[in-house]
N, C-alpha and C. Protein backbone atom coordinates (compact mmCIF):
# COMPACT_ATOMS: atom_id res chain seq x y z
N MET A 1 102.60 115.80 121.02
CA MET A 1 103.64 114.47 120.54
C MET A 1 103.00 113.87 119.50
N LEU A 2 101.56 113.87 118.94
CA LEU A 2 101.25 113.51 117.83
C LEU A 2 101.65 113.85 116.64
N ALA A 3 101.81 115.08 116.85
CA ALA A 3 102.34 116.09 115.69
C ALA A 3 103.40 115.87 115.23
N VAL A 4 104.24 115.44 116.36
CA VAL A 4 106.17 115.86 115.98
C VAL A 4 106.04 114.25 115.52
N ASP A 5 105.68 112.99 116.26
CA ASP A 5 105.67 111.81 115.82
C ASP A 5 105.38 111.64 114.05
N GLY A 6 103.89 112.19 113.87
CA GLY A 6 103.04 111.70 112.43
C GLY A 6 104.31 112.73 111.35
N ALA A 7 105.08 113.80 111.90
CA ALA A 7 105.55 114.14 111.05
C ALA A 7 106.31 113.76 110.74
N LEU A 8 107.15 113.24 111.94
CA LEU A 8 108.63 112.69 111.86
C LEU A 8 108.35 111.14 110.56
N TRP A 9 107.28 110.41 110.67
CA TRP A 9 107.22 109.43 110.22
C TRP A 9 106.72 109.73 108.39
N LEU A 10 106.00 111.05 108.28
CA LEU A 10 105.60 111.51 106.95
C LEU A 10 107.04 111.51 106.49
N GLY A 11 107.62 112.63 106.92
CA GLY A 11 109.60 112.66 106.41
C GLY A 11 109.89 111.48 105.58
N HIS A 12 110.05 110.71 106.88
CA HIS A 12 110.67 109.77 106.75
C HIS A 12 110.14 108.16 105.62
N TYR A 13 108.77 108.50 105.26
CA TYR A 13 108.11 107.35 104.40
C TYR A 13 108.46 108.39 103.10
N ILE A 14 108.82 109.78 102.92
CA ILE A 14 108.86 110.66 101.87
C ILE A 14 110.08 110.22 101.55
N PHE A 15 111.06 110.19 102.17
CA PHE A 15 112.64 110.02 102.25
C PHE A 15 113.01 108.89 101.60
N HIS A 16 111.91 107.71 101.76
CA HIS A 16 111.90 106.51 101.35
C HIS A 16 111.76 106.28 99.87
N LYS A 17 110.39 106.82 99.48
CA LYS A 17 109.78 106.92 98.60
C LYS A 17 109.84 107.67 97.28
N VAL A 18 110.65 109.13 97.61
CA VAL A 18 110.79 110.02 96.48
C VAL A 18 112.82 109.33 96.12
N PRO A 19 112.72 108.92 94.65
CA PRO A 19 114.07 108.62 94.95
C PRO A 19 115.56 109.67 94.64
N PHE A 20 115.32 110.73 94.22
CA PHE A 20 116.32 111.80 95.11
C PHE A 20 116.70 111.98 96.50
N LEU A 21 115.18 111.72 97.01
CA LEU A 21 115.34 111.79 98.33
C LEU A 21 116.21 110.78 99.17
N TRP A 22 115.88 109.44 98.70
CA TRP A 22 116.32 108.51 99.09
C TRP A 22 118.20 108.17 98.78
N GLU A 23 118.82 108.95 97.66
CA GLU A 23 119.44 109.06 97.67
C GLU A 23 120.74 109.90 99.05
N PHE A 24 119.94 110.77 99.29
CA PHE A 24 120.41 111.19 100.87
C PHE A 24 120.07 110.64 102.43
N HIS A 25 119.00 109.99 102.25
CA HIS A 25 118.33 108.81 102.97
C HIS A 25 119.41 107.71 103.40
N LYS A 26 120.20 107.31 102.30
CA LYS A 26 121.31 106.84 102.00
C LYS A 26 122.58 106.60 103.32
N VAL A 27 123.05 107.86 103.44
CA VAL A 27 123.32 108.11 104.45
C VAL A 27 123.31 107.44 105.53
N HIS A 28 122.09 107.28 106.18
CA HIS A 28 121.69 106.71 107.45
C HIS A 28 121.92 105.42 107.45
N HIS A 29 121.69 104.52 106.24
CA HIS A 29 120.67 103.24 106.16
C HIS A 29 122.72 102.63 106.03
N SER A 30 123.57 103.51 104.99
CA SER A 30 124.61 103.10 104.93
C SER A 30 125.47 102.23 106.30
N ALA A 31 125.45 102.79 107.41
CA ALA A 31 126.21 102.24 108.69
C ALA A 31 126.13 100.70 108.24
N GLU A 32 126.29 99.97 108.94
CA GLU A 32 126.84 98.69 108.81
C GLU A 32 127.11 97.74 110.05
N VAL A 33 127.40 99.13 111.41
CA VAL A 33 128.08 98.44 113.07
C VAL A 33 126.68 99.50 113.29
N MET A 34 125.94 99.41 113.99
CA MET A 34 125.40 100.20 114.73
C MET A 34 125.31 100.38 116.56
N THR A 35 125.12 101.95 116.41
CA THR A 35 125.68 102.17 117.83
C THR A 35 124.58 103.18 118.39
N PRO A 36 124.54 103.80 119.22
CA PRO A 36 123.98 104.90 119.35
C PRO A 36 124.11 106.21 118.65
N LEU A 37 125.23 106.28 118.50
CA LEU A 37 125.75 107.50 117.12
C LEU A 37 125.38 107.39 116.21
N THR A 38 124.91 106.01 115.45
CA THR A 38 124.17 105.85 114.25
C THR A 38 123.10 107.05 113.79
N ALA A 39 122.45 107.59 115.25
CA ALA A 39 121.31 108.26 114.99
C ALA A 39 121.61 109.70 114.49
N THR A 40 122.71 109.85 114.63
CA THR A 40 123.47 110.94 114.05
C THR A 40 124.25 111.13 112.99
N ARG A 41 124.12 109.88 112.25
CA ARG A 41 124.49 109.66 110.53
C ARG A 41 123.51 110.03 109.91
N MET A 42 123.02 111.18 109.84
CA MET A 42 122.06 111.86 108.61
C MET A 42 122.95 112.66 107.67
N HIS A 43 122.18 112.84 107.07
CA HIS A 43 122.64 113.87 105.49
C HIS A 43 122.21 115.50 106.06
N PRO A 44 123.02 116.66 105.96
CA PRO A 44 122.81 117.68 106.43
C PRO A 44 120.97 118.30 106.19
N LEU A 45 121.05 117.85 104.33
CA LEU A 45 119.58 118.24 104.11
C LEU A 45 118.50 117.14 104.76
N GLU A 46 118.58 116.46 105.01
CA GLU A 46 117.35 115.75 105.83
C GLU A 46 117.54 115.96 106.84
N ASP A 47 118.64 116.50 107.91
CA ASP A 47 118.49 116.84 109.07
C ASP A 47 117.96 118.48 108.90
N ILE A 48 117.62 119.02 108.29
CA ILE A 48 117.05 120.41 107.52
C ILE A 48 115.47 120.04 107.35
N VAL A 49 115.36 119.03 106.66
CA VAL A 49 114.03 118.54 105.95
C VAL A 49 113.00 118.27 107.23
N SER A 50 113.25 116.85 107.91
CA SER A 50 112.41 116.23 108.52
C SER A 50 112.23 117.09 110.32
N PRO A 51 113.38 118.03 110.49
CA PRO A 51 112.61 118.96 111.57
C PRO A 51 112.17 119.91 111.00
N SER A 52 111.84 120.02 110.23
CA SER A 52 110.96 121.58 109.14
C SER A 52 109.97 120.97 109.79
N MET A 53 109.65 120.08 109.16
CA MET A 53 108.08 118.92 109.00
C MET A 53 107.81 119.27 110.28
N SER A 54 108.39 118.40 111.16
CA SER A 54 107.97 118.19 112.58
C SER A 54 107.78 119.64 112.99
N GLY A 55 108.36 120.77 113.14
CA GLY A 55 108.31 121.90 113.65
C GLY A 55 107.03 122.72 113.46
N PHE A 56 106.92 122.50 112.07
CA PHE A 56 105.65 123.42 111.53
C PHE A 56 104.48 122.57 112.11
N ALA A 57 104.36 121.21 111.83
CA ALA A 57 103.23 120.75 112.43
C ALA A 57 103.08 120.89 113.75
N VAL A 58 103.92 121.13 114.56
CA VAL A 58 103.93 121.04 115.56
C VAL A 58 103.42 122.84 116.56
N GLY A 59 103.79 123.69 115.26
CA GLY A 59 103.68 125.02 115.43
C GLY A 59 101.54 125.06 115.25
N VAL A 60 101.51 124.94 114.36
CA VAL A 60 99.68 124.15 113.84
C VAL A 60 99.65 124.02 114.83
N VAL A 61 99.45 122.46 115.42
CA VAL A 61 98.60 122.00 116.61
C VAL A 61 98.99 122.91 118.00
N VAL A 62 99.97 123.47 118.19
CA VAL A 62 99.99 124.43 119.48
C VAL A 62 98.88 125.71 119.12
N ALA A 63 98.87 126.14 117.84
CA ALA A 63 98.13 126.81 117.45
C ALA A 63 96.65 126.95 118.06
N LEU A 64 96.64 125.57 117.28
CA LEU A 64 94.72 125.21 117.37
C LEU A 64 94.65 125.04 119.21
N LEU A 65 95.32 124.53 119.53
CA LEU A 65 95.34 123.93 120.90
C LEU A 65 95.01 125.39 121.72
N ASP A 66 95.87 126.14 121.35
CA ASP A 66 95.85 127.33 122.86
C ASP A 66 94.59 128.39 122.17
N GLN A 67 94.10 128.29 120.83
CA GLN A 67 93.04 128.87 120.60
C GLN A 67 92.07 128.27 120.89
N TYR A 68 91.85 126.63 121.36
CA TYR A 68 90.85 125.92 121.81
C TYR A 68 90.39 125.80 123.59
N PHE A 69 91.55 125.84 124.01
CA PHE A 69 91.93 125.73 125.17
C PHE A 69 92.33 127.37 126.02
N GLY A 70 92.61 128.00 125.32
CA GLY A 70 93.43 129.40 126.02
C GLY A 70 94.89 129.26 126.63
N THR A 71 95.41 129.86 127.34
CA THR A 71 96.53 130.34 127.68
C THR A 71 97.22 129.23 128.85
N GLY A 72 95.81 129.03 129.64
CA GLY A 72 95.93 128.10 130.77
C GLY A 72 96.27 126.54 130.58
N ALA A 73 95.97 126.34 129.24
CA ALA A 73 96.60 125.13 129.11
C ALA A 73 97.74 124.48 129.54
N ARG A 74 98.20 123.27 129.57
CA ARG A 74 99.58 122.49 130.26
C ARG A 74 99.71 121.38 129.75
N ALA A 75 100.70 121.51 129.32
CA ALA A 75 101.18 120.21 128.71
C ALA A 75 101.68 119.00 129.86
N PHE A 76 102.09 117.78 129.65
CA PHE A 76 102.15 117.01 131.01
C PHE A 76 104.07 116.70 130.52
N THR A 77 104.74 117.49 131.43
CA THR A 77 106.23 117.55 131.23
C THR A 77 106.99 116.37 132.11
N LEU A 78 108.20 116.50 131.65
CA LEU A 78 108.78 115.96 133.08
C LEU A 78 110.58 116.27 132.45
N PHE A 79 111.18 117.24 132.89
CA PHE A 79 112.03 118.02 133.20
C PHE A 79 111.90 118.96 131.81
N GLY A 80 110.88 119.31 131.53
CA GLY A 80 110.77 120.43 130.13
C GLY A 80 110.60 119.48 129.39
N LEU A 81 110.49 117.90 128.98
CA LEU A 81 109.97 117.57 127.90
C LEU A 81 108.55 116.68 127.92
N ASN A 82 107.81 116.88 126.87
CA ASN A 82 106.55 116.12 126.75
C ASN A 82 106.76 114.60 127.58
N ILE A 83 106.09 114.46 128.79
CA ILE A 83 106.49 113.25 129.47
C ILE A 83 106.34 111.64 128.47
N VAL A 84 105.36 111.57 127.70
CA VAL A 84 105.98 110.80 126.70
C VAL A 84 107.31 110.12 126.25
N ILE A 85 107.57 111.44 125.53
CA ILE A 85 108.61 111.47 124.68
C ILE A 85 110.06 111.33 125.24
N PHE A 86 109.91 112.05 126.86
CA PHE A 86 111.36 111.24 127.65
C PHE A 86 111.09 110.05 128.26
N LEU A 87 110.12 109.42 128.40
CA LEU A 87 110.09 107.88 128.33
C LEU A 87 110.86 107.50 127.66
N PHE A 88 110.38 107.59 126.32
CA PHE A 88 110.83 107.26 125.21
C PHE A 88 112.36 107.09 125.38
N PHE A 89 112.48 108.52 125.18
CA PHE A 89 114.44 108.44 125.00
C PHE A 89 115.17 107.89 126.38
N VAL A 90 114.51 107.61 127.36
CA VAL A 90 114.89 107.08 128.38
C VAL A 90 114.97 105.44 128.47
N VAL A 91 113.71 104.95 127.81
CA VAL A 91 113.65 103.56 127.52
C VAL A 91 114.01 103.22 126.36
N ALA A 92 114.34 103.66 125.58
CA ALA A 92 113.72 102.78 124.00
C ALA A 92 114.65 103.43 122.97
N PHE A 93 115.26 104.95 122.79
CA PHE A 93 116.01 105.63 121.90
C PHE A 93 117.19 105.34 121.88
N ASN A 94 118.19 104.85 122.74
CA ASN A 94 119.78 104.53 122.58
C ASN A 94 119.42 103.08 122.30
N LEU A 95 118.53 102.23 122.16
CA LEU A 95 118.68 101.14 121.90
C LEU A 95 118.31 100.95 120.50
N ARG A 96 117.75 101.50 119.70
CA ARG A 96 117.37 101.34 118.42
C ARG A 96 118.26 101.28 117.51
N HIS A 97 119.72 102.01 117.85
CA HIS A 97 120.82 101.80 116.86
C HIS A 97 121.79 101.45 117.68
N SER A 98 121.45 99.79 118.03
CA SER A 98 122.56 98.95 118.60
C SER A 98 122.40 97.27 118.20
N HIS A 99 122.73 96.51 118.84
CA HIS A 99 122.80 95.00 118.31
C HIS A 99 122.32 94.32 119.61
N VAL A 100 121.86 95.16 120.44
CA VAL A 100 120.57 94.63 121.75
C VAL A 100 119.38 94.78 121.22
N TRP A 101 118.99 93.21 121.21
CA TRP A 101 117.60 93.12 120.58
C TRP A 101 117.03 92.92 121.73
N LEU A 102 116.02 94.11 121.47
CA LEU A 102 114.57 94.21 122.93
C LEU A 102 113.21 94.65 121.64
N GLN A 103 112.45 93.14 121.95
CA GLN A 103 111.17 93.44 121.17
C GLN A 103 110.44 93.28 122.79
N TYR A 104 108.84 94.05 121.84
CA TYR A 104 107.89 94.03 122.77
C TYR A 104 106.77 92.74 122.42
N PRO A 105 105.89 92.55 123.27
CA PRO A 105 104.77 91.77 122.82
C PRO A 105 104.38 91.97 121.68
N ASN A 106 103.72 91.14 120.59
CA ASN A 106 103.22 91.53 119.69
C ASN A 106 102.29 92.94 119.27
N TRP A 107 101.65 92.83 120.43
CA TRP A 107 100.19 94.08 120.36
C TRP A 107 100.74 95.14 120.62
N ILE A 108 101.99 95.09 121.43
CA ILE A 108 102.37 96.48 121.71
C ILE A 108 103.41 97.13 120.46
N GLN A 109 103.63 96.29 119.95
CA GLN A 109 104.69 96.66 118.71
C GLN A 109 103.95 97.08 117.48
N HIS A 110 102.51 96.92 117.64
CA HIS A 110 101.36 97.49 116.92
C HIS A 110 100.98 99.03 117.39
N VAL A 111 101.71 99.34 118.65
CA VAL A 111 101.43 100.73 118.68
C VAL A 111 102.50 101.55 119.09
N PHE A 112 103.46 101.25 120.01
CA PHE A 112 104.70 101.58 119.88
C PHE A 112 106.18 100.91 119.44
N VAL A 113 106.99 101.30 118.73
CA VAL A 113 108.08 100.65 117.82
C VAL A 113 109.07 100.73 118.95
N SER A 114 109.36 99.04 119.01
CA SER A 114 110.58 98.50 119.93
C SER A 114 111.83 98.70 119.14
N PRO A 115 112.95 98.84 119.87
CA PRO A 115 114.56 99.04 119.35
C PRO A 115 114.42 97.50 118.37
N ALA A 116 113.60 96.43 118.21
CA ALA A 116 114.31 95.46 117.62
C ALA A 116 113.67 95.92 116.23
N GLN A 117 112.25 96.76 115.94
CA GLN A 117 111.67 96.84 114.88
C GLN A 117 112.21 97.93 114.44
N HIS A 118 113.11 98.83 115.52
CA HIS A 118 114.36 99.70 114.33
C HIS A 118 115.15 99.17 113.78
N GLN A 119 115.52 98.24 113.92
CA GLN A 119 116.58 97.19 113.93
C GLN A 119 116.37 96.68 112.16
N ILE A 120 115.09 96.13 112.17
CA ILE A 120 114.62 95.67 111.17
C ILE A 120 114.36 96.39 109.73
N HIS A 121 114.40 97.95 110.77
CA HIS A 121 114.20 98.80 109.41
C HIS A 121 115.57 99.11 108.79
N HIS A 122 116.70 98.58 109.61
CA HIS A 122 117.99 98.98 109.01
C HIS A 122 118.73 97.47 108.17
N SER A 123 117.82 96.81 108.03
CA SER A 123 118.91 95.16 107.82
C SER A 123 118.14 95.88 106.48
N LYS A 124 119.51 94.70 106.03
CA LYS A 124 119.64 94.76 104.25
C LYS A 124 118.76 93.65 103.66
N ALA A 125 117.93 92.73 104.52
CA ALA A 125 117.48 91.52 103.95
C ALA A 125 116.30 92.55 103.40
N ARG A 126 116.07 91.51 102.25
CA ARG A 126 114.80 92.19 101.34
C ARG A 126 113.43 92.26 101.42
N LYS A 127 113.00 91.09 102.69
CA LYS A 127 112.01 91.18 103.19
C LYS A 127 112.27 92.30 104.19
N HIS A 128 112.66 93.00 104.73
CA HIS A 128 112.41 94.18 105.86
C HIS A 128 112.97 95.61 105.03
N TRP A 129 112.84 95.54 104.09
CA TRP A 129 112.79 96.92 103.18
C TRP A 129 111.72 97.55 103.49
N ASP A 130 112.05 99.10 103.74
CA ASP A 130 110.69 99.86 103.73
C ASP A 130 109.90 99.63 104.66
N LYS A 131 110.03 98.74 105.74
CA LYS A 131 109.33 98.58 107.11
C LYS A 131 109.92 99.62 108.12
N ASN A 132 108.39 99.89 108.96
CA ASN A 132 108.57 100.25 110.32
C ASN A 132 109.48 101.68 110.34
N LYS A 133 108.90 102.66 109.65
CA LYS A 133 109.47 104.15 109.80
C LYS A 133 109.44 105.07 110.42
N GLY A 134 108.27 104.22 111.27
CA GLY A 134 108.03 105.17 112.79
C GLY A 134 108.96 105.17 113.74
N PHE A 135 108.84 106.67 114.70
CA PHE A 135 109.75 106.79 115.28
C PHE A 135 109.39 106.46 116.91
N ILE A 136 108.17 107.07 117.72
CA ILE A 136 107.63 106.39 118.73
C ILE A 136 106.56 105.25 118.38
N PHE A 137 105.69 105.67 117.69
CA PHE A 137 104.45 105.24 117.76
C PHE A 137 104.27 104.35 116.39
N ALA A 138 104.11 102.96 116.73
CA ALA A 138 104.19 102.24 115.20
C ALA A 138 102.47 101.98 114.33
N PHE A 139 101.90 102.73 114.86
CA PHE A 139 100.00 102.57 114.09
C PHE A 139 100.32 103.57 112.94
N TRP A 140 101.29 104.60 112.67
CA TRP A 140 101.12 105.10 111.17
C TRP A 140 101.68 103.72 110.35
N ASP A 141 103.03 102.99 110.50
CA ASP A 141 102.98 102.09 109.99
C ASP A 141 101.88 101.16 109.48
N TRP A 142 101.38 100.51 111.36
CA TRP A 142 100.30 99.24 110.84
C TRP A 142 99.49 100.14 109.46
N GLY A 143 98.94 101.70 109.98
CA GLY A 143 97.81 101.78 108.87
C GLY A 143 98.12 102.12 107.19
N ALA A 144 99.48 102.14 107.19
CA ALA A 144 100.06 102.32 105.54
C ALA A 144 100.20 100.87 105.14
N GLY A 145 100.68 99.83 106.25
CA GLY A 145 100.67 98.64 105.43
C GLY A 145 102.45 98.14 105.45
N THR A 146 103.00 98.87 106.08
CA THR A 146 104.44 98.96 106.12
C THR A 146 105.11 98.68 107.86
N LEU A 147 104.20 98.07 108.40
CA LEU A 147 104.73 97.24 109.96
C LEU A 147 105.25 95.87 109.78
N TYR A 148 106.35 96.06 110.49
CA TYR A 148 106.79 94.73 110.61
C TYR A 148 106.78 94.56 112.26
N SER A 149 106.56 93.36 112.25
CA SER A 149 106.37 92.65 114.05
C SER A 149 107.07 91.81 114.56
N PRO A 150 108.40 91.84 114.62
CA PRO A 150 109.71 90.53 114.90
C PRO A 150 108.77 89.40 116.16
N LYS A 151 108.44 88.31 115.79
CA LYS A 151 107.97 87.52 116.41
C LYS A 151 109.54 87.00 117.74
N THR A 152 110.70 87.16 117.09
CA THR A 152 111.63 86.12 117.35
C THR A 152 113.36 87.29 116.92
N ASN A 153 114.40 86.68 117.75
CA ASN A 153 115.17 87.43 117.45
C ASN A 153 115.73 86.85 116.01
N GLU A 154 115.80 88.20 115.07
CA GLU A 154 116.15 87.61 113.68
C GLU A 154 117.30 87.63 113.38
N ASN A 155 118.32 87.88 114.05
CA ASN A 155 120.11 87.84 113.64
C ASN A 155 119.90 88.90 112.04
N VAL A 156 119.07 90.38 112.39
CA VAL A 156 119.76 91.26 111.47
C VAL A 156 121.09 91.37 110.84
N GLU A 157 121.61 91.56 109.68
CA GLU A 157 122.56 92.33 109.27
C GLU A 157 122.15 93.44 108.62
N TYR A 158 123.44 94.69 109.05
CA TYR A 158 123.10 96.05 108.64
C TYR A 158 123.83 96.27 107.50
N GLY A 159 122.89 97.43 106.48
CA GLY A 159 123.37 97.84 105.33
C GLY A 159 122.56 98.27 104.37
N LEU A 160 122.67 98.40 103.21
CA LEU A 160 121.86 98.95 102.19
C LEU A 160 121.63 97.41 101.26
N GLY A 161 122.29 96.69 101.32
CA GLY A 161 122.23 94.92 101.00
C GLY A 161 121.43 95.71 99.12
N ASN A 162 122.55 96.72 98.36
CA ASN A 162 121.79 96.62 97.27
C ASN A 162 123.19 96.75 96.32
N GLY A 163 124.20 96.05 97.21
CA GLY A 163 125.77 96.24 96.37
C GLY A 163 126.82 97.38 96.86
N GLU A 164 126.10 98.63 97.13
CA GLU A 164 126.98 100.22 97.72
C GLU A 164 127.29 99.42 99.05
N ASP A 165 126.78 98.25 99.90
CA ASP A 165 127.86 98.20 100.90
C ASP A 165 129.26 98.09 100.90
N GLY A 166 129.99 98.94 102.31
CA GLY A 166 131.07 99.27 101.95
C GLY A 166 132.04 100.71 101.32
N THR A 167 130.77 101.02 100.80
CA THR A 167 131.25 101.98 99.62
C THR A 167 130.81 103.46 100.38
N TRP A 168 130.37 103.71 101.54
CA TRP A 168 129.66 104.76 102.03
C TRP A 168 130.91 105.25 103.36
N ASN A 169 131.69 105.06 103.09
CA ASN A 169 132.62 105.13 104.93
C ASN A 169 133.35 105.72 104.73
N ASN A 170 133.63 107.09 103.95
CA ASN A 170 134.17 108.41 104.47
C ASN A 170 133.78 109.63 104.50
N PRO A 171 134.10 110.92 104.90
CA PRO A 171 133.20 111.85 104.53
C PRO A 171 132.56 112.25 103.44
N VAL A 172 133.51 112.47 102.66
CA VAL A 172 133.35 112.88 101.01
C VAL A 172 132.18 112.28 101.08
N THR A 173 132.41 110.94 100.72
CA THR A 173 131.16 109.98 100.13
C THR A 173 129.90 110.78 100.77
N LEU A 174 129.91 110.57 102.14
CA LEU A 174 128.91 110.92 102.45
C LEU A 174 127.96 111.83 102.73
N TYR A 175 128.76 113.17 101.83
CA TYR A 175 128.36 114.03 102.37
C TYR A 175 127.71 114.66 100.63
N PHE A 176 128.98 114.30 99.75
CA PHE A 176 128.44 114.74 98.28
C PHE A 176 127.95 113.58 97.43
N ARG A 177 128.30 112.53 97.98
CA ARG A 177 127.77 111.69 96.95
C ARG A 177 126.40 111.72 96.16
N PRO A 178 125.02 111.55 97.67
CA PRO A 178 123.91 112.04 97.28
C PRO A 178 123.71 112.79 96.23
N PHE A 179 124.42 114.49 96.26
CA PHE A 179 124.28 114.87 95.44
C PHE A 179 124.12 115.16 94.06
N LYS A 180 125.62 114.12 93.95
CA LYS A 180 125.64 113.57 92.79
C LYS A 180 124.74 112.39 91.98
N ASN A 181 124.38 111.22 92.71
CA ASN A 181 123.36 110.49 92.40
C ASN A 181 122.29 110.89 92.32
N ALA A 182 121.83 111.84 92.96
CA ALA A 182 120.27 112.76 92.66
C ALA A 182 120.38 113.56 91.42
N TYR A 183 121.67 114.41 91.38
CA TYR A 183 121.80 115.08 89.93
C TYR A 183 121.93 114.07 88.57
N GLU A 184 122.45 112.80 88.65
CA GLU A 184 122.21 111.82 87.55
C GLU A 184 121.14 111.03 87.61
N LEU A 185 119.79 111.16 88.68
CA LEU A 185 118.70 110.75 88.30
C LEU A 185 117.94 111.86 87.47
N PHE A 186 117.71 112.96 88.15
CA PHE A 186 117.12 113.96 87.39
C PHE A 186 117.50 114.09 85.67
N LYS A 187 118.96 114.14 85.56
CA LYS A 187 119.33 113.93 84.34
C LYS A 187 118.45 112.89 83.30
N LYS A 188 118.64 112.06 83.98
CA LYS A 188 118.01 110.74 83.27
C LYS A 188 116.48 110.42 82.73
N ASP A 189 116.06 110.73 84.51
CA ASP A 189 114.62 110.93 84.07
C ASP A 189 114.03 111.74 85.22
N PRO A 190 113.26 112.94 84.80
CA PRO A 190 113.13 114.11 85.95
C PRO A 190 112.15 113.66 86.83
N ARG A 191 111.21 112.75 86.19
CA ARG A 191 109.94 112.57 86.68
C ARG A 191 110.33 111.31 87.87
N GLY A 192 110.72 110.53 87.04
CA GLY A 192 111.29 109.38 87.76
C GLY A 192 111.98 109.55 89.48
N ALA A 193 112.94 110.71 88.99
CA ALA A 193 113.54 111.03 90.35
C ALA A 193 112.65 111.33 91.23
N LEU A 194 111.32 112.10 90.77
CA LEU A 194 110.18 112.37 91.75
C LEU A 194 109.53 111.64 92.16
N THR A 195 109.36 110.13 91.43
CA THR A 195 107.68 109.22 91.72
C THR A 195 108.28 107.68 91.51
N ARG A 196 109.48 107.60 91.19
CA ARG A 196 109.77 106.24 91.18
C ARG A 196 109.01 105.73 89.96
N GLN A 197 108.49 106.17 89.04
CA GLN A 197 107.90 105.69 87.82
C GLN A 197 108.54 106.48 86.98
N PRO A 198 108.89 105.55 85.84
CA PRO A 198 109.59 106.08 85.02
C PRO A 198 108.38 106.79 83.87
N ALA A 199 109.22 107.76 83.07
CA ALA A 199 108.69 108.74 82.40
C ALA A 199 107.49 107.80 80.93
N LYS A 200 106.21 108.05 80.68
CA LYS A 200 105.81 107.56 79.65
C LYS A 200 106.36 107.75 78.56
N SER A 201 106.38 106.99 77.48
CA SER A 201 106.44 107.29 76.36
C SER A 201 105.91 107.82 75.16
N LYS A 202 106.22 108.97 75.29
CA LYS A 202 105.16 110.00 74.12
C LYS A 202 105.18 109.40 72.73
N ALA A 203 105.46 108.11 72.42
CA ALA A 203 104.92 107.20 71.43
C ALA A 203 103.75 107.04 71.48
N LYS A 204 102.96 107.26 70.12
CA LYS A 204 101.65 106.58 70.15
C LYS A 204 101.58 105.13 70.70
N GLN A 205 102.84 104.20 70.18
CA GLN A 205 102.17 102.66 70.15
C GLN A 205 102.59 102.61 71.69
N ALA A 206 102.16 101.41 71.93
CA ALA A 206 102.36 101.49 73.82
C ALA A 206 103.80 100.52 73.95
N VAL A 207 104.12 100.84 74.61
CA VAL A 207 105.49 100.34 74.89
C VAL A 207 105.41 99.69 76.39
N ALA A 208 106.39 98.91 76.82
CA ALA A 208 106.46 98.67 77.70
C ALA A 208 107.70 99.51 78.69
N PRO A 209 107.12 99.96 79.74
CA PRO A 209 107.75 100.70 80.17
C PRO A 209 109.42 99.98 81.08
N GLU A 210 110.66 101.10 81.42
CA GLU A 210 111.52 100.36 81.88
C GLU A 210 111.25 100.27 83.27
N SER A 211 111.75 99.18 84.27
CA SER A 211 111.01 98.70 85.33
C SER A 211 112.43 99.79 86.19
N SER A 212 111.69 100.20 87.17
CA SER A 212 112.60 101.44 88.06
C SER A 212 113.64 100.56 89.17
N ALA A 213 115.01 101.11 89.40
CA ALA A 213 115.42 100.21 89.69
C ALA A 213 114.93 100.52 91.46
N GLU A 214 115.30 99.14 92.08
CA GLU A 214 114.81 98.86 93.24
C GLU A 214 115.41 99.55 94.52
N THR A 215 114.69 100.17 95.49
CA THR A 215 115.12 101.14 96.02
C THR A 215 114.88 100.55 97.91
N ASN A 216 115.70 100.92 98.26
CA ASN A 216 115.02 100.67 100.07
C ASN A 216 114.07 101.01 100.79
């Protein structure tokens, strides 16, 4: 369970921090109306990378546990799913992508991600950008300094909030614009496309670097 969630958080973090990957993650964040189906509004590239990371992490952890505990070890499951993951899908998952505001007490929101916290993650408000990347557990964000624990309903408006809202609403754009944007980033500044930091000038004299474009 920790391996799955930790790998998903790391993948989510990378898709936010690496500029060319953010272009693909924009597909998910471009949703301006939240429904449970928004969870499937993902670019195929992200649907390959993130599950592959979690699958690799689980494979390594399960192999280590089998070596340590032997084949007699059993997972706590319910209907074939890890019991905590099962409860998460029953209690919280469908409300994450909805307009139903459900927050937990503040101390719980430092351990488990509430639906309200994920709605904050989709907010177009600048103060909410890059917050609450966790899937089940919030302590990954707590440790990384990206946790936002709402105390009250903040009446979130959804979308990118970067001037592109309303321009991601057809299949051609959703599937192909990320490739075009990523190509343009690499063409303009290969290093910047990977690190958010502009390439340093090769000139000997000191020059002020151009500021990177802000991303969610």
